[in-house]
Amino acid sequence: MKRPPFEVADIIRAHGNSFVEKNRAWLTWLHLRVLSAIEHCRTAALGGHRDRCRQCGHEAISFNSCRSRHCPKCQTNARDKWLAGRSQELLPVVRLPISPVNASAYGRPRAKPIF
């Protein structure tokens, strides 16, 4: 999958401090904790580990994630798995868009228009 040009963490790193300074009156420690978690997610600040391929011996460093439910990096896989599961539950039917103009055609045949 292609990486996006900007991530939420990049925006927080660039503008997070000025945002916190301007909005200190209503920000709670929970807000600050989430901002910090997203900023440090998958960086050396949270540590990491070395992955090695058993076949070719290639090594790659993987940084640990914050595992916050608010973090877009951490929740992407969970969201994708959830969506894949829900798409398996859909029935193979044709879906027709219903607008207020033609909604009465799908209701009772002699019903009064509700729009």
Protein backbone atom coordinates (compact mmCIF):
# COMPACT_ATOMS: atom_id res chain seq x y z
CA MET A 1 0.00 0.00 0.00
CA LYS A 2 1.28 3.44 -0.91
CA ARG A 3 2.15 5.72 1.99
CA PRO A 4 0.34 9.06 2.15
CA PRO A 5 2.45 12.20 1.68
CA PHE A 6 1.46 13.50 5.13
CA GLU A 7 0.50 11.70 8.29
CA VAL A 8 -1.34 12.99 11.34
CA ALA A 9 1.87 12.55 13.33
CA ASP A 10 3.72 14.87 10.93
CA ILE A 11 1.11 17.57 11.46
CA ILE A 12 1.26 17.15 15.24
CA ARG A 13 5.06 17.37 15.18
CA ALA A 14 4.94 20.54 13.06
CA HIS A 15 2.07 22.38 14.75
CA GLY A 16 1.28 20.53 17.97
CA ASN A 17 3.12 22.85 20.35
CA SER A 18 1.51 26.02 18.97
CA PHE A 19 -1.91 24.32 19.04
CA VAL A 20 -1.45 23.36 22.69
CA GLU A 21 -0.28 26.87 23.62
CA LYS A 22 -3.27 28.52 21.93
CA ASN A 23 -5.83 26.08 23.34
CA ARG A 24 -4.41 25.35 26.78
CA ALA A 25 -7.63 26.58 28.46
CA TRP A 26 -9.77 23.66 27.34
CA LEU A 27 -7.23 20.88 26.69
CA THR A 28 -7.15 18.18 29.35
CA TRP A 29 -4.33 15.80 30.20
CA LEU A 30 -6.15 13.13 28.17
CA HIS A 31 -5.94 15.30 25.05
CA LEU A 32 -2.25 15.90 25.66
CA ARG A 33 -1.63 12.20 26.20
CA VAL A 34 -3.30 11.30 22.89
CA LEU A 35 -1.34 13.98 21.02
CA SER A 36 1.90 12.70 22.55
CA ALA A 37 1.06 9.07 21.73
CA ILE A 38 0.30 9.89 18.07
CA GLU A 39 3.45 12.01 17.81
CA HIS A 40 5.71 9.24 19.14
CA CYS A 41 3.97 6.26 17.51
CA ARG A 42 6.36 4.01 15.56
CA THR A 43 9.41 6.11 16.32
CA ALA A 44 12.58 5.40 18.27
CA ALA A 45 11.00 7.14 21.28
CA LEU A 46 8.89 4.03 21.94
CA GLY A 47 11.69 1.58 21.19
CA GLY A 48 11.75 -1.08 18.55
CA HIS A 49 12.97 -4.47 17.47
CA ARG A 50 14.88 -6.05 14.62
CA ASP A 51 13.06 -8.36 12.22
CA ARG A 52 15.06 -10.92 10.27
CA CYS A 53 13.92 -13.06 7.35
CA ARG A 54 14.71 -16.72 8.00
CA GLN A 55 15.17 -17.48 4.32
CA CYS A 56 17.36 -14.66 3.01
CA GLY A 57 18.62 -13.07 6.26
CA HIS A 58 17.36 -9.57 5.40
CA GLU A 59 17.01 -7.40 8.51
CA ALA A 60 14.63 -4.50 9.10
CA ILE A 61 14.02 -2.36 12.16
CA SER A 62 10.41 -2.06 13.29
CA PHE A 63 9.52 0.58 15.83
CA ASN A 64 6.89 -0.09 18.48
CA SER A 65 3.45 1.44 18.17
CA CYS A 66 1.52 3.43 20.77
CA ARG A 67 -1.57 1.15 20.50
CA SER A 68 -3.83 4.11 21.20
CA ARG A 69 -7.39 3.76 19.95
CA HIS A 70 -7.16 7.33 18.65
CA CYS A 71 -4.04 6.75 16.56
CA PRO A 72 -4.68 6.36 12.83
CA LYS A 73 -1.53 4.26 12.32
CA CYS A 74 -2.45 1.77 15.02
CA GLN A 75 -6.11 1.44 14.11
CA THR A 76 -5.73 1.08 10.33
CA ASN A 77 -5.25 -2.70 10.46
CA ALA A 78 -8.11 -3.17 12.93
CA ARG A 79 -10.39 -1.00 10.79
CA ASP A 80 -9.46 -2.89 7.61
CA LYS A 81 -10.10 -6.26 9.26
CA TRP A 82 -13.45 -5.04 10.61
CA LEU A 83 -14.51 -3.72 7.19
CA ALA A 84 -13.47 -6.97 5.50
CA GLY A 85 -15.55 -8.93 7.99
CA ARG A 86 -18.58 -6.71 7.45
CA SER A 87 -18.25 -6.95 3.65
CA GLN A 88 -18.39 -10.77 3.98
CA GLU A 89 -21.73 -10.42 5.79
CA LEU A 90 -23.37 -8.40 2.99
CA LEU A 91 -25.96 -10.13 0.86
CA PRO A 92 -25.31 -10.25 -2.89
CA VAL A 93 -28.12 -7.88 -3.89
CA VAL A 94 -28.39 -4.92 -6.19
CA ARG A 95 -28.55 -1.69 -4.25
CA LEU A 96 -30.62 1.14 -5.64
CA PRO A 97 -30.10 4.70 -4.49
CA ILE A 98 -33.26 6.10 -2.93
CA SER A 99 -33.81 9.83 -2.92
CA PRO A 100 -36.76 11.77 -1.48
CA VAL A 101 -38.13 12.14 -5.01
CA ASN A 102 -38.59 8.42 -5.62
CA ALA A 103 -38.86 7.20 -2.02
CA SER A 104 -42.65 6.97 -2.18
CA ALA A 105 -42.37 4.42 -5.00
CA TYR A 106 -40.72 1.96 -2.58
CA GLY A 107 -43.25 2.49 0.21
CA ARG A 108 -46.95 1.73 0.21
CA PRO A 109 -48.44 2.15 -3.27
CA ARG A 110 -51.20 4.58 -2.23
CA ALA A 111 -49.37 6.31 0.60
CA LYS A 112 -49.32 10.07 0.85
CA PRO A 113 -45.98 11.68 0.01
CA ILE A 114 -43.99 12.39 3.15
CA PHE A 115 -41.68 14.94 1.58
